[in-house]
Amino acid sequence: MTTRRDLCKSLLATSALALWPTIPVVAQSRDNTARIAWPYDTASLDAVGIGAQRSTWSVSLHLYDRLVTYAATDRSDGTRQYDPARLRSELAESWQVSPDSRTVTFRLRPDARFHDGSPVTAEDVRWSIERALTVKSAAGVMAVGGLKSADQLKAVDATTFQVTLPAPNRFAVLVFTIPFAAIINSKLANQNATAQDPWANEWLKRNAAGGGAYKLESFRNDQVLLTRNESWTCGDKPGMQQVIFQTVPESATRGALVERGAADIAVEIPPNDFAAIEGRGQARALAIPMPNHMDLMAANSQAAPFDDLRVRQAIAYALPYQQIFQSVFRGRGTPLFGAKGEPKPASFPQPSDFNTDPDRAMALLKDAGRAGGFEANLMYSVAKAAYFDPLSLVVRDALGKIGIRVNIDRIPGAQFDERVVARNFQLLLDNRVAWLSLPDYWFTAFYTGTSTSNLGNFNDPKLDRMLKDLPGDASPELYGERTAEMSRLVLTEVPMIPLRQGAVELVMSRGLSGYTYWFHGLPDARDLRRA
């Protein structure tokens, strides 16, 4: 029986097919073109520059190489997942860390070429990383790897790039995997620089100067077309000759395009649409675990009454975790609650030991002098409403039972970020992914400092000292011991209450294989193949 909803989706998909671009590219066919539907505009191609967004990082992964990347592990459902514990070469054919762990030397592939045919040199690498250090957002991540100034970077010869470090640093190689470390054709960029714009920032927003697996064919904010780089030597030759990233705002339309065979992959599929597509079986509805992700509820730990640990813990005991995991998150992902025993070494995110215990929650509020409860605002971004609309209602109901009267504040994403920066919030719902999924990176990025990543506005001198005292070349045993202590601290202090490690939900056409989950969470077409 065809329902009204099915009929509407069918009509919607038919109209969407008419709108999907017909692109006059030589040798284009449905078999050798990957079409990806997502809700994002792509305002910039420059992963480092101002205006970069998630879609920029995904497109950049195809246009630019980095020195190193991660190996990927095959999953039972035919997809793949990056392995943060296994590095592999990309532009660098090898790298070596000195005995004192203060110098890293990269040897470039001698046959690597940019898209214009010019060789990739160590000077291009040096220039690209120096450029990244001039941009605050990129520099902040590079600094985690001990890279803070241009005088640490050296082009030894045409194919040898060297980094010197003030101290041993376990992230010194890892930081070269991220989109901010994209290697740019410096000669081409400099030809388009100006006295007012010496790093060619404006030109690189709309133009590509890379040597990655794909070349830029055409670019609009709502559509990016790439063609395969037949001369690429930094990995296996991509299976698809062309890749189209198309902006399709409506989630129902994105899913319908894949079901009807007009697109191959659709991302950002809300739970109800995901379940419906899964039930119809015309396309594959996939939920791939995200090892570097955390859904969370945070409290402003520097503002009353949440500056009282007892209040934060009361909230943590009040939440109905199992209900949230099953009804809101549909049982997908990994629970981050109800741990038994001590925290695991060298692991984060990991479950807290909080379980639902309203009586204990009310006792803590009474002990904090808040037996009568209080009123609080809970904010989240409209962009994440698919999960956070129902989650906010569950939270409001649960906290109401212990006397905390919650007002829900559903706001635009830009305003959400502004309020986090200004520390103008009480409670919030959000999620975060880590570029570098090691515990001390999580603690540094998400539990210290003043960036928007420190959602709990946490400031603990003990944690700061623990991070400072952790040697950059700590043995696995020492690293495990120290990071377990840090986990115990943040999971007890609960400026952020972990809820789950999520799963990226997408729809993919049948007969397509090789989808790989990467740390930025968006599609990588380089390993896609048709059966």
Protein backbone atom coordinates (compact mmCIF):
# COMPACT_ATOMS: atom_id res chain seq x y z
CA MET A 1 0.00 0.00 0.00
CA THR A 2 1.36 3.41 -0.97
CA THR A 3 0.98 5.97 1.79
CA ARG A 4 0.53 9.69 1.30
CA ARG A 5 4.07 10.15 2.72
CA ASP A 6 5.52 7.72 0.16
CA LEU A 7 3.67 9.46 -2.66
CA CYS A 8 4.95 12.88 -1.56
CA LYS A 9 8.49 11.58 -1.40
CA SER A 10 8.16 10.02 -4.83
CA LEU A 11 6.94 13.30 -6.34
CA LEU A 12 9.66 15.19 -4.49
CA ALA A 13 12.33 12.87 -5.79
CA THR A 14 11.00 13.16 -9.36
CA SER A 15 11.22 16.95 -9.23
CA ALA A 16 14.67 16.71 -7.68
CA LEU A 17 15.85 14.54 -10.55
CA ALA A 18 14.98 17.31 -12.93
CA LEU A 19 17.00 19.77 -10.86
CA TRP A 20 20.08 17.54 -10.53
CA PRO A 21 22.77 18.98 -12.76
CA THR A 22 23.61 17.60 -16.17
CA ILE A 23 27.29 18.34 -16.50
CA PRO A 24 28.96 18.26 -19.95
CA VAL A 25 32.19 16.50 -19.01
CA VAL A 26 34.08 14.25 -21.41
CA ALA A 27 33.44 10.54 -20.85
CA GLN A 28 30.90 11.22 -18.13
CA SER A 29 28.66 8.26 -17.36
CA ARG A 30 26.58 7.18 -14.43
CA ASP A 31 28.98 4.29 -13.80
CA ASN A 32 32.09 6.40 -13.32
CA THR A 33 30.52 9.38 -11.53
CA ALA A 34 29.86 9.55 -7.80
CA ARG A 35 27.06 11.93 -6.89
CA ILE A 36 26.91 13.07 -3.28
CA ALA A 37 23.94 15.00 -1.88
CA TRP A 38 24.47 17.03 1.27
CA PRO A 39 22.77 20.01 2.92
CA TYR A 40 25.79 22.31 2.93
CA ASP A 41 26.86 25.16 0.76
CA THR A 42 30.60 25.26 0.14
CA ALA A 43 31.68 28.86 0.58
CA SER A 44 35.41 28.18 0.26
CA LEU A 45 37.81 25.57 -1.09
CA ASP A 46 40.55 26.64 1.31
CA ALA A 47 40.60 24.37 4.36
CA VAL A 48 42.86 26.79 6.23
CA GLY A 49 41.29 30.13 5.42
CA ILE A 50 38.42 32.12 6.87
CA GLY A 51 35.10 30.75 5.68
CA ALA A 52 36.19 27.11 5.80
CA GLN A 53 33.43 24.77 6.94
CA ARG A 54 32.82 21.03 7.13
CA SER A 55 32.10 20.78 3.41
CA THR A 56 35.38 22.60 2.71
CA TRP A 57 37.30 19.97 4.65
CA SER A 58 35.66 17.16 2.70
CA VAL A 59 36.33 18.73 -0.71
CA SER A 60 39.88 19.65 0.33
CA LEU A 61 40.60 16.01 1.16
CA HIS A 62 40.16 15.26 -2.57
CA LEU A 63 42.01 18.29 -3.96
CA TYR A 64 45.04 18.37 -1.66
CA ASP A 65 47.43 15.83 -0.20
CA ARG A 66 48.83 15.90 3.30
CA LEU A 67 52.15 14.44 4.35
CA VAL A 68 50.55 11.53 6.17
CA THR A 69 47.11 10.03 6.65
CA TYR A 70 45.51 7.11 8.48
CA ALA A 71 45.02 3.51 7.51
CA ALA A 72 41.44 2.30 7.30
CA THR A 73 39.84 -0.84 8.68
CA ASP A 74 37.21 -2.85 6.81
CA ARG A 75 33.89 -3.28 8.60
CA SER A 76 31.43 -6.15 8.35
CA ASP A 77 28.85 -4.00 6.51
CA GLY A 78 31.28 -3.30 3.65
CA THR A 79 32.19 0.21 4.81
CA ARG A 80 35.53 1.30 6.22
CA GLN A 81 36.58 3.33 9.23
CA TYR A 82 39.78 5.26 9.73
CA ASP A 83 42.07 3.89 12.43
CA PRO A 84 43.51 6.70 14.61
CA ALA A 85 46.17 4.30 15.86
CA ARG A 86 47.69 3.53 12.43
CA LEU A 87 49.42 6.16 10.29
CA ARG A 88 50.34 5.63 6.66
CA SER A 89 52.15 7.71 4.09
CA GLU A 90 50.45 10.07 1.66
CA LEU A 91 52.71 12.76 0.19
CA ALA A 92 55.62 11.70 2.38
CA GLU A 93 56.94 8.28 1.43
CA SER A 94 58.59 8.01 4.85
CA TRP A 95 59.29 9.92 8.05
CA GLN A 96 61.76 9.55 10.86
CA VAL A 97 61.80 10.84 14.43
CA SER A 98 65.24 11.57 15.90
CA PRO A 99 66.48 9.64 18.97
CA ASP A 100 65.78 12.65 21.22
CA SER A 101 62.26 13.02 19.70
CA ARG A 102 62.89 16.68 18.88
CA THR A 103 63.32 16.45 15.10
CA VAL A 104 60.95 14.91 12.55
CA THR A 105 62.23 14.42 9.00
CA PHE A 106 59.83 13.73 6.12
CA ARG A 107 61.00 12.35 2.74
CA LEU A 108 58.63 13.32 -0.08
CA ARG A 109 57.66 11.02 -2.91
CA PRO A 110 60.02 11.98 -5.75
CA ASP A 111 57.27 11.43 -8.36
CA ALA A 112 54.62 13.60 -6.64
CA ARG A 113 53.21 16.33 -8.87
CA PHE A 114 50.72 19.14 -8.49
CA HIS A 115 47.77 19.32 -10.85
CA ASP A 116 49.64 21.72 -13.14
CA GLY A 117 52.43 19.14 -13.53
CA SER A 118 55.03 20.90 -11.39
CA PRO A 119 56.88 18.79 -8.80
CA VAL A 120 55.89 18.94 -5.14
CA THR A 121 58.90 20.24 -3.21
CA ALA A 122 59.86 20.55 0.42
CA GLU A 123 59.60 24.33 -0.01
CA ASP A 124 55.92 23.91 -0.95
CA VAL A 125 55.46 21.95 2.26
CA ARG A 126 57.31 24.51 4.36
CA TRP A 127 55.32 27.40 2.81
CA SER A 128 51.98 25.59 3.30
CA ILE A 129 52.57 24.86 6.98
CA GLU A 130 53.86 28.39 7.63
CA ARG A 131 50.67 29.68 6.03
CA ALA A 132 48.57 27.47 8.33
CA LEU A 133 50.38 28.95 11.33
CA THR A 134 49.13 32.42 10.34
CA VAL A 135 45.46 31.42 10.81
CA LYS A 136 44.23 31.19 14.40
CA SER A 137 42.01 28.13 14.03
CA ALA A 138 44.66 26.12 12.19
CA ALA A 139 47.52 27.36 14.35
CA GLY A 140 45.71 26.22 17.49
CA VAL A 141 45.65 22.62 16.31
CA MET A 142 49.19 22.71 14.90
CA ALA A 143 50.39 24.00 18.28
CA VAL A 144 49.15 20.79 19.87
CA GLY A 145 51.87 19.09 17.83
CA GLY A 146 54.50 21.53 19.09
CA LEU A 147 54.43 23.66 15.93
CA LYS A 148 54.14 27.34 16.79
CA SER A 149 56.51 29.33 14.56
CA ALA A 150 57.92 29.30 11.05
CA ASP A 151 61.51 28.96 12.27
CA GLN A 152 60.70 25.37 13.25
CA LEU A 153 60.15 24.48 9.58
CA LYS A 154 62.96 23.73 7.15
CA ALA A 155 63.21 22.61 3.52
CA VAL A 156 66.49 20.68 3.73
CA ASP A 157 66.52 19.92 0.02
CA ALA A 158 63.94 19.45 -2.74
CA THR A 159 62.41 16.33 -1.19
CA THR A 160 63.31 16.61 2.49
CA PHE A 161 61.21 18.57 4.96
CA GLN A 162 62.19 18.87 8.61
CA VAL A 163 60.46 20.02 11.77
CA THR A 164 62.24 20.87 15.01
CA LEU A 165 60.40 20.72 18.33
CA PRO A 166 61.04 22.46 21.65
CA ALA A 167 60.24 19.18 23.43
CA PRO A 168 59.15 15.63 22.52
CA ASN A 169 55.56 15.63 21.30
CA ARG A 170 53.34 12.63 20.51
CA PHE A 171 51.24 14.74 18.12
CA ALA A 172 54.17 16.02 16.06
CA VAL A 173 53.43 13.70 13.13
CA LEU A 174 49.68 13.34 13.72
CA VAL A 175 48.98 17.03 13.12
CA PHE A 176 50.02 16.56 9.49
CA THR A 177 46.96 14.37 8.86
CA ILE A 178 44.38 17.14 9.31
CA PRO A 179 42.88 19.32 6.55
CA PHE A 180 44.74 22.36 7.92
CA ALA A 181 47.99 20.65 6.86
CA ALA A 182 47.04 20.50 3.15
CA ILE A 183 50.07 20.96 0.89
CA ILE A 184 49.62 23.84 -1.56
CA ASN A 185 51.44 24.67 -4.79
CA SER A 186 53.23 27.70 -3.35
CA LYS A 187 54.44 28.98 -6.72
CA LEU A 188 50.91 29.04 -8.12
CA ALA A 189 49.50 30.60 -4.96
CA ASN A 190 52.19 33.30 -4.92
CA GLN A 191 51.37 34.20 -8.52
CA ASN A 192 47.91 35.12 -7.26
CA ALA A 193 48.98 36.86 -4.05
CA THR A 194 48.90 40.62 -3.56
CA ALA A 195 50.56 43.06 -1.21
CA GLN A 196 47.31 43.17 0.76
CA ASP A 197 46.89 39.40 0.61
CA PRO A 198 50.39 37.84 0.68
CA TRP A 199 49.10 34.31 1.29
CA ALA A 200 46.60 34.37 -1.61
CA ASN A 201 43.74 33.74 0.79
CA GLU A 202 41.09 35.27 -1.46
CA TRP A 203 42.27 33.43 -4.57
CA LEU A 204 42.45 30.07 -2.77
CA LYS A 205 38.84 30.37 -1.65
CA ARG A 206 37.63 29.92 -5.24
CA ASN A 207 40.58 28.12 -6.86
CA ALA A 208 42.57 24.97 -6.16
CA ALA A 209 46.36 24.69 -6.08
CA GLY A 210 46.81 21.10 -4.99
CA GLY A 211 48.00 17.75 -6.21
CA GLY A 212 45.40 15.45 -4.68
CA ALA A 213 43.49 12.50 -6.11
CA TYR A 214 41.00 14.82 -7.84
CA LYS A 215 41.22 18.08 -9.78
CA LEU A 216 38.77 20.96 -9.64
CA GLU A 217 36.57 21.04 -12.72
CA SER A 218 33.98 23.62 -11.65
CA PHE A 219 32.89 25.31 -8.43
CA ARG A 220 29.76 27.01 -7.20
CA ASN A 221 28.66 27.35 -3.61
CA ASP A 222 25.93 24.79 -4.24
CA GLN A 223 27.89 22.43 -6.50
CA VAL A 224 31.48 21.22 -6.72
CA LEU A 225 32.60 19.03 -9.64
CA LEU A 226 35.89 17.14 -9.46
CA THR A 227 37.65 14.98 -12.04
CA ARG A 228 40.14 12.23 -11.33
CA ASN A 229 43.84 13.10 -11.30
CA GLU A 230 45.23 10.36 -13.54
CA SER A 231 48.78 11.20 -12.44
CA TRP A 232 48.18 10.82 -8.69
CA THR A 233 50.88 8.74 -7.00
CA CYS A 234 50.02 9.14 -3.31
CA GLY A 235 47.55 6.27 -3.11
CA ASP A 236 45.50 3.79 -5.10
CA LYS A 237 43.86 5.24 -8.20
CA PRO A 238 40.31 6.39 -7.38
CA GLY A 239 37.54 4.25 -8.81
CA MET A 240 35.34 7.15 -9.88
CA GLN A 241 36.34 9.43 -12.73
CA GLN A 242 34.14 12.26 -11.51
CA VAL A 243 32.67 13.35 -8.19
CA ILE A 244 29.80 15.80 -7.75
CA PHE A 245 29.05 17.38 -4.38
CA GLN A 246 25.56 18.87 -4.66
CA THR A 247 23.71 21.05 -2.15
CA VAL A 248 20.24 19.58 -1.52
CA PRO A 249 18.72 21.34 1.50
CA GLU A 250 15.77 19.01 2.15
CA SER A 251 16.70 15.76 3.87
CA ALA A 252 13.73 13.92 2.34
CA THR A 253 14.89 14.94 -1.13
CA ARG A 254 18.45 13.79 -0.44
CA GLY A 255 17.28 10.35 0.61
CA ALA A 256 14.82 10.06 -2.27
CA LEU A 257 17.55 10.91 -4.80
CA VAL A 258 19.58 7.91 -3.64
CA GLU A 259 16.55 5.61 -3.57
CA ARG A 260 15.74 6.52 -7.17
CA GLY A 261 19.32 6.10 -8.35
CA ALA A 262 19.94 9.78 -9.12
CA ALA A 263 22.54 10.12 -6.35
CA ASP A 264 24.91 7.68 -4.72
CA ILE A 265 25.30 9.04 -1.19
CA ALA A 266 23.14 11.28 0.98
CA VAL A 267 24.32 12.54 4.36
CA GLU A 268 22.67 14.25 7.36
CA ILE A 269 19.62 11.99 7.29
CA PRO A 270 17.28 12.60 10.28
CA PRO A 271 16.28 9.58 12.39
CA ASN A 272 12.72 9.26 11.03
CA ASP A 273 13.85 9.45 7.39
CA PHE A 274 16.69 7.03 8.13
CA ALA A 275 14.27 4.48 9.59
CA ALA A 276 11.86 4.85 6.67
CA ILE A 277 14.61 4.36 4.07
CA GLU A 278 15.95 1.40 6.02
CA GLY A 279 12.47 -0.14 6.02
CA ARG A 280 11.87 0.30 2.29
CA GLY A 281 15.19 -1.34 1.43
CA GLN A 282 15.69 0.49 -1.87
CA ALA A 283 18.98 1.96 -0.65
CA ARG A 284 21.39 1.12 2.15
CA ALA A 285 20.85 3.01 5.41
CA LEU A 286 24.20 2.89 7.19
CA ALA A 287 25.20 3.88 10.72
CA ILE A 288 28.99 3.86 11.05
CA PRO A 289 30.44 4.26 14.58
CA MET A 290 32.37 7.47 15.17
CA PRO A 291 35.32 6.76 17.49
CA ASN A 292 36.22 10.46 17.75
CA HIS A 293 32.74 11.77 18.62
CA MET A 294 30.73 12.60 21.74
CA ASP A 295 27.11 13.70 22.22
CA LEU A 296 26.90 15.61 25.46
CA MET A 297 25.07 17.90 27.84
CA ALA A 298 27.19 20.68 29.34
CA ALA A 299 26.79 23.09 32.24
CA ASN A 300 28.58 26.41 32.55
CA SER A 301 30.87 25.34 35.38
CA GLN A 302 31.99 28.92 36.10
CA ALA A 303 28.48 30.32 36.62
CA ALA A 304 26.18 29.79 39.62
CA PRO A 305 24.62 27.44 40.45
CA PHE A 306 26.60 25.18 38.13
CA ASP A 307 29.91 26.20 39.67
CA ASP A 308 28.89 23.86 42.51
CA LEU A 309 30.03 20.30 41.78
CA ARG A 310 27.05 18.92 43.68
CA VAL A 311 24.63 20.64 41.31
CA ARG A 312 26.42 19.29 38.23
CA GLN A 313 26.46 15.79 39.68
CA ALA A 314 22.79 16.05 40.61
CA ILE A 315 21.98 16.76 36.97
CA ALA A 316 24.14 13.81 35.93
CA TYR A 317 22.22 11.48 38.26
CA ALA A 318 18.84 12.82 37.11
CA LEU A 319 19.20 12.00 33.40
CA PRO A 320 17.39 8.86 32.10
CA TYR A 321 20.34 7.56 30.09
CA GLN A 322 18.83 4.34 28.79
CA GLN A 323 15.70 6.12 27.64
CA ILE A 324 17.81 8.73 25.87
CA PHE A 325 19.95 6.11 24.16
CA GLN A 326 17.04 4.01 22.97
CA SER A 327 14.31 6.57 22.20
CA VAL A 328 16.35 9.59 21.10
CA PHE A 329 19.44 7.97 19.58
CA ARG A 330 17.56 4.83 18.41
CA GLY A 331 20.13 2.55 20.02
CA ARG A 332 22.79 3.59 17.50
CA GLY A 333 26.32 4.41 18.61
CA THR A 334 27.96 3.52 21.92
CA PRO A 335 26.55 4.41 25.38
CA LEU A 336 28.75 6.69 27.50
CA PHE A 337 27.17 6.02 30.89
CA GLY A 338 26.98 3.34 33.55
CA ALA A 339 30.66 2.37 33.64
CA LYS A 340 31.79 -0.09 36.29
CA GLY A 341 35.19 0.13 37.89
CA GLU A 342 38.03 2.53 37.26
CA PRO A 343 38.42 4.54 34.02
CA LYS A 344 40.25 2.77 31.21
CA PRO A 345 43.81 3.89 30.50
CA ALA A 346 44.61 5.66 27.21
CA SER A 347 40.94 5.91 26.22
CA PHE A 348 38.55 8.83 25.66
CA PRO A 349 35.67 9.37 25.22
CA GLN A 350 34.68 6.65 27.65
CA PRO A 351 31.61 6.04 29.82
CA SER A 352 31.12 7.82 33.12
CA ASP A 353 29.88 5.80 36.09
CA PHE A 354 26.69 7.86 36.40
CA ASN A 355 23.37 6.04 36.22
CA THR A 356 19.82 7.31 36.66
CA ASP A 357 19.25 7.91 40.38
CA PRO A 358 16.73 10.73 41.09
CA ASP A 359 16.88 10.20 44.87
CA ARG A 360 20.62 10.73 44.91
CA ALA A 361 20.18 13.75 42.62
CA MET A 362 17.73 15.37 45.04
CA ALA A 363 20.00 14.63 48.01
CA LEU A 364 22.88 16.39 46.25
CA LEU A 365 20.69 19.43 45.50
CA LYS A 366 19.62 19.56 49.14
CA ASP A 367 23.25 19.36 50.27
CA ALA A 368 24.05 22.25 47.89
CA GLY A 369 21.29 24.37 49.43
CA ARG A 370 19.07 23.95 46.36
CA ALA A 371 16.36 21.69 47.81
CA GLY A 372 13.69 23.92 46.30
CA GLY A 373 15.22 23.60 42.85
CA PHE A 374 15.78 26.50 40.48
CA GLU A 375 15.11 27.70 36.94
CA ALA A 376 17.61 27.16 34.13
CA ASN A 377 17.86 27.69 30.37
CA LEU A 378 18.90 24.83 28.08
CA MET A 379 20.15 25.88 24.65
CA TYR A 380 21.08 24.03 21.47
CA SER A 381 21.54 24.78 17.79
CA VAL A 382 18.60 24.52 15.41
CA ALA A 383 21.00 22.83 12.98
CA LYS A 384 21.09 19.83 15.32
CA ALA A 385 17.37 19.77 16.07
CA ALA A 386 16.73 16.29 14.63
CA TYR A 387 18.15 14.74 17.77
CA PHE A 388 18.15 17.63 20.20
CA ASP A 389 14.46 18.53 19.87
CA PRO A 390 13.40 15.21 21.44
CA LEU A 391 16.44 15.12 23.73
CA SER A 392 15.65 18.54 25.18
CA LEU A 393 12.13 17.38 26.09
CA VAL A 394 13.47 14.29 27.86
CA VAL A 395 15.98 16.44 29.76
CA ARG A 396 13.31 18.99 30.72
CA ASP A 397 11.06 16.26 32.06
CA ALA A 398 13.87 14.51 33.99
CA LEU A 399 15.23 17.67 35.60
CA GLY A 400 11.71 18.83 36.42
CA LYS A 401 11.33 15.74 38.62
CA ILE A 402 14.17 16.97 40.86
CA GLY A 403 12.94 20.57 40.94
CA ILE A 404 14.99 22.13 38.13
CA ARG A 405 12.60 24.02 35.86
CA VAL A 406 14.08 24.04 32.36
CA ASN A 407 13.36 26.59 29.64
CA ILE A 408 14.33 25.36 26.19
CA ASP A 409 16.24 27.83 24.00
CA ARG A 410 16.43 26.65 20.38
CA ILE A 411 18.71 29.08 18.50
CA PRO A 412 20.53 29.47 15.14
CA GLY A 413 24.00 27.93 14.93
CA ALA A 414 25.90 31.22 14.61
CA GLN A 415 24.13 32.62 17.67
CA PHE A 416 24.85 29.39 19.55
CA ASP A 417 28.59 29.76 18.89
CA GLU A 418 28.51 33.44 19.88
CA ARG A 419 26.91 32.62 23.20
CA VAL A 420 29.42 29.84 23.89
CA VAL A 421 32.29 32.24 23.14
CA ALA A 422 30.74 34.86 25.43
CA ARG A 423 30.03 32.17 28.08
CA ASN A 424 26.46 33.41 28.00
CA PHE A 425 24.67 30.14 28.75
CA GLN A 426 23.64 27.86 31.61
CA LEU A 427 23.01 24.41 30.12
CA LEU A 428 23.49 23.24 26.54
CA LEU A 429 23.26 20.22 24.27
CA ASP A 430 25.84 19.65 21.59
CA ASN A 431 28.28 17.18 20.10
CA ARG A 432 31.94 17.36 19.21
CA VAL A 433 34.49 15.43 17.15
CA ALA A 434 38.23 15.44 17.75
CA TRP A 435 40.74 15.97 14.94
CA LEU A 436 43.28 13.89 16.86
CA SER A 437 41.55 11.17 18.82
CA LEU A 438 43.94 10.69 21.72
CA PRO A 439 42.82 11.27 25.33
CA ASP A 440 45.16 14.16 26.12
CA TYR A 441 44.03 15.92 22.93
CA TRP A 442 40.42 15.62 24.14
CA PHE A 443 41.34 17.01 27.55
CA THR A 444 43.37 19.86 26.06
CA ALA A 445 40.85 20.85 23.38
CA PHE A 446 37.57 20.25 25.23
CA TYR A 447 38.34 20.79 28.93
CA THR A 448 40.79 23.70 28.96
CA GLY A 449 41.11 27.17 27.43
CA THR A 450 38.55 29.63 26.14
CA SER A 451 37.65 28.22 22.73
CA THR A 452 34.14 27.13 21.75
CA SER A 453 35.27 23.51 22.19
CA ASN A 454 35.42 23.95 25.99
CA LEU A 455 31.64 23.72 26.20
CA GLY A 456 31.56 23.29 29.96
CA ASN A 457 33.68 26.41 30.50
CA PHE A 458 35.93 24.20 32.61
CA ASN A 459 38.93 25.66 34.38
CA ASP A 460 40.76 23.26 36.68
CA PRO A 461 44.38 23.95 37.65
CA LYS A 462 44.84 20.30 38.55
CA LEU A 463 43.97 19.17 35.01
CA ASP A 464 46.19 21.91 33.54
CA ARG A 465 49.08 20.68 35.68
CA MET A 466 48.47 17.04 34.77
CA LEU A 467 48.56 17.88 31.06
CA LYS A 468 51.69 19.99 31.47
CA ASP A 469 53.46 17.23 33.40
CA LEU A 470 52.63 14.48 30.89
CA PRO A 471 55.85 13.85 28.91
CA GLY A 472 55.53 14.07 25.14
CA ASP A 473 57.43 10.80 24.86
CA ALA A 474 55.76 9.03 27.78
CA SER A 475 55.89 5.25 27.73
CA PRO A 476 52.60 3.46 26.99
CA GLU A 477 52.37 2.46 30.65
CA LEU A 478 52.88 5.99 31.95
CA TYR A 479 50.57 7.45 29.31
CA GLY A 480 47.83 5.00 30.25
CA GLU A 481 48.21 5.71 33.95
CA ARG A 482 48.16 9.51 33.57
CA THR A 483 45.28 9.66 31.08
CA ALA A 484 43.19 7.38 33.30
CA GLU A 485 43.69 9.93 36.10
CA MET A 486 42.57 12.73 33.78
CA SER A 487 39.51 10.74 32.73
CA ARG A 488 38.61 10.18 36.36
CA LEU A 489 38.84 13.91 37.03
CA VAL A 490 36.69 15.15 34.13
CA LEU A 491 34.13 12.34 34.46
CA THR A 492 33.73 13.12 38.18
CA GLU A 493 33.68 16.90 37.81
CA VAL A 494 31.20 16.60 34.87
CA PRO A 495 31.38 20.02 33.23
CA MET A 496 30.17 17.95 30.28
CA ILE A 497 27.98 14.88 30.76
CA PRO A 498 28.82 12.28 28.09
CA LEU A 499 25.71 10.69 26.54
CA ARG A 500 26.93 8.57 23.66
CA GLN A 501 29.61 8.06 21.08
CA GLY A 502 27.63 8.58 17.92
CA ALA A 503 27.26 6.93 14.56
CA VAL A 504 27.34 8.83 11.27
CA GLU A 505 24.07 8.10 9.47
CA LEU A 506 23.94 8.12 5.71
CA VAL A 507 22.15 6.57 2.77
CA MET A 508 24.13 4.88 -0.01
CA SER A 509 23.06 3.28 -3.25
CA ARG A 510 23.23 -0.48 -3.51
CA GLY A 511 26.14 -1.72 -5.59
CA LEU A 512 28.49 0.93 -4.24
CA SER A 513 31.31 0.00 -1.86
CA GLY A 514 34.35 1.57 -0.23
CA TYR A 515 32.69 4.27 1.89
CA THR A 516 35.20 5.35 4.55
CA TYR A 517 34.39 7.22 7.74
CA TRP A 518 36.98 9.95 8.40
CA PHE A 519 37.43 12.16 11.42
CA HIS A 520 35.59 15.10 9.82
CA GLY A 521 32.57 12.84 9.30
CA LEU A 522 31.92 13.64 5.62
CA PRO A 523 32.22 11.57 2.44
CA ASP A 524 35.50 10.57 0.83
CA ALA A 525 35.02 9.45 -2.77
CA ARG A 526 38.59 8.26 -3.32
CA ASP A 527 37.87 4.64 -2.37
CA LEU A 528 34.36 4.33 -3.77
CA ARG A 529 33.82 1.52 -6.25
CA ARG A 530 30.83 0.15 -8.13
CA ALA A 531 30.15 -3.57 -7.98
